[in-house]
Amino acid sequence: MLSHEEEVELIRLFNKMGGQWTPNLYNTFAPKFALTAIETVFLRRNAISGVEILLIQRPPTDAHYPNEWHSPGTMLRATDFQEETVTGKDIPAHDGFKKAFDRLAQSELGIGFKTKPRQVRSIFHFTPRGSEIALIFLCELEGEPKAGRFFAVDHLPKNLIEHHHRIIEAAMDGLRRGL
C-alpha cells in the first residue's frame, strides 16, 4: 500500500505522462487495469486452402510473447477519442476507433483497410500482460501487408499466442453469421 505522500507523487507523475506509454510503463500498469484491445482479424479466401488469416510473428525480444504469432492489433488509447459527435438522447458517439485503426495500418501493416472493419464480438480475457477487453473486428486489406503471412485457418502455427485462438474463433463465428 502506498503512503499518502507516495500516492500524491504517483498522481503527479501520472499527470505528466502523454497518451502513449513506453513498453516498461505498459508492462508495469497493464496488470493493474482491464485495458481495451482492438483485435483485427484479416481473412481472405484461397481456392486451394479455403479461408486464410493474416498472422504476424513477434520479435524474439518481446517481453511476453517472444517469437509467437498473433493477429494484428493495438491497444485503445485515451487520445484515440478527440472528436465526438452527439447521437440520439445526447449519448456521445466516438469516431469508430479510426485513430486506432490508422495507427495499426501505419505501424504494423504498412497498408490501409479495403473496407470499414466490422466488429463481431467483445470478449474479456486474462493474458500474461493483464486483463483485457478485446474488441474483435473482421477486416480486409487493400493489398499485401509489409509483414506477416497468411495461414489456412485450420492449419495455424503451433506457437500462436494462446488467447488469439479465441479471437480467431470469434472472427470465424462472425464470418459464418454474416457479420
C-alpha atoms as a PDB file:
ATOM      1  CA  MET A   1       0.000   0.000   0.000  1.00  0.00           C
ATOM      2  CA  LEU A   2       1.274   3.463  -0.884  1.00  0.00           C
ATOM      3  CA  SER A   3       1.656   6.130   1.747  1.00  0.00           C
ATOM      4  CA  HIS A   4      -0.256   9.362   1.234  1.00  0.00           C
ATOM      5  CA  GLU A   5       2.934  11.102   0.043  1.00  0.00           C
ATOM      6  CA  GLU A   6       3.718   8.274  -2.404  1.00  0.00           C
ATOM      7  CA  GLU A   7       0.180   8.413  -3.772  1.00  0.00           C
ATOM      8  CA  VAL A   8       0.431  12.184  -4.316  1.00  0.00           C
ATOM      9  CA  GLU A   9       3.794  11.703  -6.084  1.00  0.00           C
ATOM     10  CA  LEU A  10       2.407   8.903  -8.263  1.00  0.00           C
ATOM     11  CA  ILE A  11      -0.542  11.087  -9.296  1.00  0.00           C
ATOM     12  CA  ARG A  12       1.814  13.961 -10.075  1.00  0.00           C
ATOM     13  CA  LEU A  13       3.990  11.719 -12.260  1.00  0.00           C
ATOM     14  CA  PHE A  14       0.980  10.081 -13.906  1.00  0.00           C
ATOM     15  CA  ASN A  15      -0.333  13.502 -14.921  1.00  0.00           C
ATOM     16  CA  LYS A  16       2.959  14.191 -16.729  1.00  0.00           C
ATOM     17  CA  MET A  17       2.520  11.144 -18.962  1.00  0.00           C
ATOM     18  CA  GLY A  18       1.367  11.514 -22.540  1.00  0.00           C
ATOM     19  CA  GLY A  19      -1.120   9.322 -24.365  1.00  0.00           C
ATOM     20  CA  GLN A  20       1.417   6.682 -25.377  1.00  0.00           C
ATOM     21  CA  TRP A  21       3.198   4.587 -22.764  1.00  0.00           C
ATOM     22  CA  THR A  22       6.662   3.115 -23.114  1.00  0.00           C
ATOM     23  CA  PRO A  23       6.821  -0.704 -23.022  1.00  0.00           C
ATOM     24  CA  ASN A  24       8.149  -0.582 -19.440  1.00  0.00           C
ATOM     25  CA  LEU A  25       5.266   1.618 -18.257  1.00  0.00           C
ATOM     26  CA  TYR A  26       2.735  -0.511 -20.121  1.00  0.00           C
ATOM     27  CA  ASN A  27       4.088  -3.754 -18.626  1.00  0.00           C
ATOM     28  CA  THR A  28       4.001  -2.202 -15.144  1.00  0.00           C
ATOM     29  CA  PHE A  29       0.462  -0.790 -15.345  1.00  0.00           C
ATOM     30  CA  ALA A  30      -1.302  -3.380 -17.529  1.00  0.00           C
ATOM     31  CA  PRO A  31      -1.728  -5.973 -14.732  1.00  0.00           C
ATOM     32  CA  LYS A  32      -3.464  -3.327 -12.587  1.00  0.00           C
ATOM     33  CA  PHE A  33      -6.242  -2.431 -15.075  1.00  0.00           C
ATOM     34  CA  ALA A  34      -8.503  -4.042 -17.656  1.00  0.00           C
ATOM     35  CA  LEU A  35      -7.222  -2.427 -20.827  1.00  0.00           C
ATOM     36  CA  THR A  36      -9.074  -2.352 -24.147  1.00  0.00           C
ATOM     37  CA  ALA A  37      -7.509  -4.095 -27.128  1.00  0.00           C
ATOM     38  CA  ILE A  38      -8.549  -3.529 -30.740  1.00  0.00           C
ATOM     39  CA  GLU A  39      -8.089  -7.005 -32.256  1.00  0.00           C
ATOM     40  CA  THR A  40      -8.232  -7.202 -36.046  1.00  0.00           C
ATOM     41  CA  VAL A  41      -8.656 -10.435 -37.968  1.00  0.00           C
ATOM     42  CA  PHE A  42      -7.763 -10.187 -41.651  1.00  0.00           C
ATOM     43  CA  LEU A  43      -9.305 -13.023 -43.623  1.00  0.00           C
ATOM     44  CA  ARG A  44      -9.096 -13.893 -47.301  1.00  0.00           C
ATOM     45  CA  ARG A  45     -10.365 -16.780 -49.375  1.00  0.00           C
ATOM     46  CA  ASN A  46      -7.929 -19.063 -51.181  1.00  0.00           C
ATOM     47  CA  ALA A  47      -9.226 -21.541 -53.786  1.00  0.00           C
ATOM     48  CA  ILE A  48      -6.868 -24.248 -52.504  1.00  0.00           C
ATOM     49  CA  SER A  49      -6.644 -23.796 -48.724  1.00  0.00           C
ATOM     50  CA  GLY A  50     -10.024 -22.133 -48.066  1.00  0.00           C
ATOM     51  CA  VAL A  51     -10.158 -19.285 -45.551  1.00  0.00           C
ATOM     52  CA  GLU A  52      -6.791 -17.836 -44.592  1.00  0.00           C
ATOM     53  CA  ILE A  53      -5.830 -15.428 -41.816  1.00  0.00           C
ATOM     54  CA  LEU A  54      -3.005 -12.914 -41.619  1.00  0.00           C
ATOM     55  CA  LEU A  55      -0.641 -13.522 -38.693  1.00  0.00           C
ATOM     56  CA  ILE A  56       2.489 -11.609 -37.719  1.00  0.00           C
ATOM     57  CA  GLN A  57       5.362 -13.085 -35.702  1.00  0.00           C
ATOM     58  CA  ARG A  58       6.521 -11.109 -32.687  1.00  0.00           C
ATOM     59  CA  PRO A  59      10.245 -10.429 -32.272  1.00  0.00           C
ATOM     60  CA  PRO A  60      12.430 -12.591 -30.025  1.00  0.00           C
ATOM     61  CA  THR A  61      12.795  -9.588 -27.690  1.00  0.00           C
ATOM     62  CA  ASP A  62       9.028  -9.347 -26.977  1.00  0.00           C
ATOM     63  CA  ALA A  63       8.534  -9.269 -23.188  1.00  0.00           C
ATOM     64  CA  HIS A  64       5.521 -11.608 -23.102  1.00  0.00           C
ATOM     65  CA  TYR A  65       5.281 -13.465 -26.437  1.00  0.00           C
ATOM     66  CA  PRO A  66       8.766 -13.876 -27.977  1.00  0.00           C
ATOM     67  CA  ASN A  67       8.631 -15.419 -31.487  1.00  0.00           C
ATOM     68  CA  GLU A  68       4.904 -16.134 -31.186  1.00  0.00           C
ATOM     69  CA  TRP A  69       2.403 -15.429 -33.954  1.00  0.00           C
ATOM     70  CA  HIS A  70      -0.569 -13.104 -33.468  1.00  0.00           C
ATOM     71  CA  SER A  71      -3.380 -11.453 -35.326  1.00  0.00           C
ATOM     72  CA  PRO A  72      -2.546  -7.730 -35.601  1.00  0.00           C
ATOM     73  CA  GLY A  73      -3.988  -5.384 -33.022  1.00  0.00           C
ATOM     74  CA  THR A  74      -3.406  -2.301 -30.915  1.00  0.00           C
ATOM     75  CA  MET A  75      -4.360  -1.029 -27.504  1.00  0.00           C
ATOM     76  CA  LEU A  76      -7.002   1.672 -27.365  1.00  0.00           C
ATOM     77  CA  ARG A  77      -5.545   4.937 -26.053  1.00  0.00           C
ATOM     78  CA  ALA A  78      -7.322   7.791 -24.340  1.00  0.00           C
ATOM     79  CA  THR A  79      -6.044  10.065 -27.119  1.00  0.00           C
ATOM     80  CA  ASP A  80      -7.867   7.986 -29.751  1.00  0.00           C
ATOM     81  CA  PHE A  81     -11.066   9.893 -28.889  1.00  0.00           C
ATOM     82  CA  GLN A  82     -10.541  13.527 -29.695  1.00  0.00           C
ATOM     83  CA  GLU A  83     -13.671  14.156 -31.702  1.00  0.00           C
ATOM     84  CA  GLU A  84     -17.139  13.310 -30.508  1.00  0.00           C
ATOM     85  CA  THR A  85     -20.488  13.667 -32.146  1.00  0.00           C
ATOM     86  CA  VAL A  86     -23.813  13.523 -30.407  1.00  0.00           C
ATOM     87  CA  THR A  87     -26.306  10.808 -31.273  1.00  0.00           C
ATOM     88  CA  GLY A  88     -29.875  10.315 -30.076  1.00  0.00           C
ATOM     89  CA  LYS A  89     -30.623  11.108 -26.435  1.00  0.00           C
ATOM     90  CA  ASP A  90     -27.333  13.039 -26.088  1.00  0.00           C
ATOM     91  CA  ILE A  91     -25.193   9.900 -25.979  1.00  0.00           C
ATOM     92  CA  PRO A  92     -21.701  10.730 -27.286  1.00  0.00           C
ATOM     93  CA  ALA A  93     -20.566   8.549 -30.203  1.00  0.00           C
ATOM     94  CA  HIS A  94     -16.855   8.363 -30.986  1.00  0.00           C
ATOM     95  CA  ASP A  95     -15.212   8.243 -34.397  1.00  0.00           C
ATOM     96  CA  GLY A  96     -15.402   4.446 -34.667  1.00  0.00           C
ATOM     97  CA  PHE A  97     -11.821   3.820 -33.481  1.00  0.00           C
ATOM     98  CA  LYS A  98     -10.436   5.426 -36.659  1.00  0.00           C
ATOM     99  CA  LYS A  99      -7.239   6.635 -34.959  1.00  0.00           C
ATOM    100  CA  ALA A 100      -6.517   3.167 -33.559  1.00  0.00           C
ATOM    101  CA  PHE A 101      -7.088   1.568 -36.982  1.00  0.00           C
ATOM    102  CA  ASP A 102      -4.908   4.204 -38.687  1.00  0.00           C
ATOM    103  CA  ARG A 103      -2.110   3.587 -36.166  1.00  0.00           C
ATOM    104  CA  LEU A 104      -2.320  -0.161 -36.777  1.00  0.00           C
ATOM    105  CA  ALA A 105      -2.309   0.301 -40.569  1.00  0.00           C
ATOM    106  CA  GLN A 106       0.789   2.501 -40.410  1.00  0.00           C
ATOM    107  CA  SER A 107       2.848   0.728 -37.748  1.00  0.00           C
ATOM    108  CA  GLU A 108       2.173  -2.964 -38.272  1.00  0.00           C
ATOM    109  CA  LEU A 109       0.634  -3.442 -41.710  1.00  0.00           C
ATOM    110  CA  GLY A 110       2.074  -0.731 -43.933  1.00  0.00           C
ATOM    111  CA  ILE A 111      -1.179  -0.567 -45.946  1.00  0.00           C
ATOM    112  CA  GLY A 112      -4.739   0.543 -45.401  1.00  0.00           C
ATOM    113  CA  PHE A 113      -8.060  -1.167 -44.932  1.00  0.00           C
ATOM    114  CA  LYS A 114     -10.102  -2.095 -48.016  1.00  0.00           C
ATOM    115  CA  THR A 115     -13.418  -1.774 -46.190  1.00  0.00           C
ATOM    116  CA  LYS A 116     -14.528  -0.453 -42.823  1.00  0.00           C
ATOM    117  CA  PRO A 117     -13.684  -3.013 -40.079  1.00  0.00           C
ATOM    118  CA  ARG A 118     -16.785  -4.839 -38.781  1.00  0.00           C
ATOM    119  CA  GLN A 119     -16.977  -5.601 -35.062  1.00  0.00           C
ATOM    120  CA  VAL A 120     -18.036  -9.204 -34.486  1.00  0.00           C
ATOM    121  CA  ARG A 121     -17.614  -9.667 -30.738  1.00  0.00           C
ATOM    122  CA  SER A 122     -16.211  -8.360 -27.483  1.00  0.00           C
ATOM    123  CA  ILE A 123     -14.562 -10.700 -25.007  1.00  0.00           C
ATOM    124  CA  PHE A 124     -12.963 -10.247 -21.605  1.00  0.00           C
ATOM    125  CA  HIS A 125      -9.911 -12.414 -21.046  1.00  0.00           C
ATOM    126  CA  PHE A 126      -6.801 -12.742 -18.933  1.00  0.00           C
ATOM    127  CA  THR A 127      -3.390 -12.620 -20.611  1.00  0.00           C
ATOM    128  CA  PRO A 128       0.179 -12.700 -19.286  1.00  0.00           C
ATOM    129  CA  ARG A 129       0.133  -8.882 -19.630  1.00  0.00           C
ATOM    130  CA  GLY A 130      -3.050  -8.498 -17.590  1.00  0.00           C
ATOM    131  CA  SER A 131      -6.821  -8.375 -18.074  1.00  0.00           C
ATOM    132  CA  GLU A 132      -8.031  -7.200 -21.451  1.00  0.00           C
ATOM    133  CA  ILE A 133     -11.331  -6.313 -23.032  1.00  0.00           C
ATOM    134  CA  ALA A 134     -10.873  -7.344 -26.658  1.00  0.00           C
ATOM    135  CA  LEU A 135     -12.993  -5.693 -29.341  1.00  0.00           C
ATOM    136  CA  ILE A 136     -12.734  -8.086 -32.295  1.00  0.00           C
ATOM    137  CA  PHE A 137     -13.079  -6.827 -35.869  1.00  0.00           C
ATOM    138  CA  LEU A 138     -13.218  -8.630 -39.228  1.00  0.00           C
ATOM    139  CA  CYS A 139     -11.120  -6.707 -41.735  1.00  0.00           C
ATOM    140  CA  GLU A 140      -9.919  -6.668 -45.328  1.00  0.00           C
ATOM    141  CA  LEU A 141      -6.619  -5.261 -46.606  1.00  0.00           C
ATOM    142  CA  GLU A 142      -6.097  -3.053 -49.673  1.00  0.00           C
ATOM    143  CA  GLY A 143      -3.125  -5.149 -50.813  1.00  0.00           C
ATOM    144  CA  GLU A 144      -0.256  -7.176 -49.396  1.00  0.00           C
ATOM    145  CA  PRO A 145       0.918  -6.244 -45.880  1.00  0.00           C
ATOM    146  CA  LYS A 146       4.542  -5.312 -45.196  1.00  0.00           C
ATOM    147  CA  ALA A 147       4.833  -8.022 -42.534  1.00  0.00           C
ATOM    148  CA  GLY A 148       3.371 -11.387 -41.656  1.00  0.00           C
ATOM    149  CA  ARG A 149       1.905 -14.143 -43.753  1.00  0.00           C
ATOM    150  CA  PHE A 150      -1.416 -15.831 -44.369  1.00  0.00           C
ATOM    151  CA  PHE A 151      -2.184 -19.230 -42.819  1.00  0.00           C
ATOM    152  CA  ALA A 152      -5.083 -21.573 -43.520  1.00  0.00           C
ATOM    153  CA  VAL A 153      -7.463 -21.217 -40.559  1.00  0.00           C
ATOM    154  CA  ASP A 154      -7.352 -24.975 -39.974  1.00  0.00           C
ATOM    155  CA  HIS A 155      -3.508 -25.033 -40.060  1.00  0.00           C
ATOM    156  CA  LEU A 156      -2.414 -22.310 -37.639  1.00  0.00           C
ATOM    157  CA  PRO A 157       1.161 -22.276 -36.301  1.00  0.00           C
ATOM    158  CA  LYS A 158       1.767 -24.101 -33.029  1.00  0.00           C
ATOM    159  CA  ASN A 159       3.300 -21.001 -31.461  1.00  0.00           C
ATOM    160  CA  LEU A 160       0.184 -18.837 -31.864  1.00  0.00           C
ATOM    161  CA  ILE A 161      -0.419 -16.638 -28.808  1.00  0.00           C
ATOM    162  CA  GLU A 162      -2.887 -18.617 -26.681  1.00  0.00           C
ATOM    163  CA  HIS A 163      -5.695 -16.076 -26.419  1.00  0.00           C
ATOM    164  CA  HIS A 164      -5.540 -15.393 -30.168  1.00  0.00           C
ATOM    165  CA  HIS A 165      -7.162 -18.795 -30.734  1.00  0.00           C
ATOM    166  CA  ARG A 166     -10.303 -17.342 -29.083  1.00  0.00           C
ATOM    167  CA  ILE A 167     -10.023 -14.141 -31.124  1.00  0.00           C
ATOM    168  CA  ILE A 168      -9.791 -16.088 -34.390  1.00  0.00           C
ATOM    169  CA  GLU A 169     -12.651 -18.373 -33.326  1.00  0.00           C
ATOM    170  CA  ALA A 170     -14.849 -15.330 -32.614  1.00  0.00           C
ATOM    171  CA  ALA A 171     -13.990 -13.821 -36.007  1.00  0.00           C
ATOM    172  CA  MET A 172     -14.762 -17.073 -37.834  1.00  0.00           C
ATOM    173  CA  ASP A 173     -18.082 -17.291 -35.989  1.00  0.00           C
ATOM    174  CA  GLY A 174     -18.841 -13.725 -37.108  1.00  0.00           C
ATOM    175  CA  LEU A 175     -17.973 -14.633 -40.691  1.00  0.00           C
ATOM    176  CA  ARG A 176     -20.304 -17.658 -40.581  1.00  0.00           C
ATOM    177  CA  ARG A 177     -23.106 -15.495 -39.175  1.00  0.00           C
ATOM    178  CA  GLY A 178     -22.566 -12.935 -41.928  1.00  0.00           C
ATOM    179  CA  LEU A 179     -21.399 -10.091 -39.694  1.00  0.00           C
END
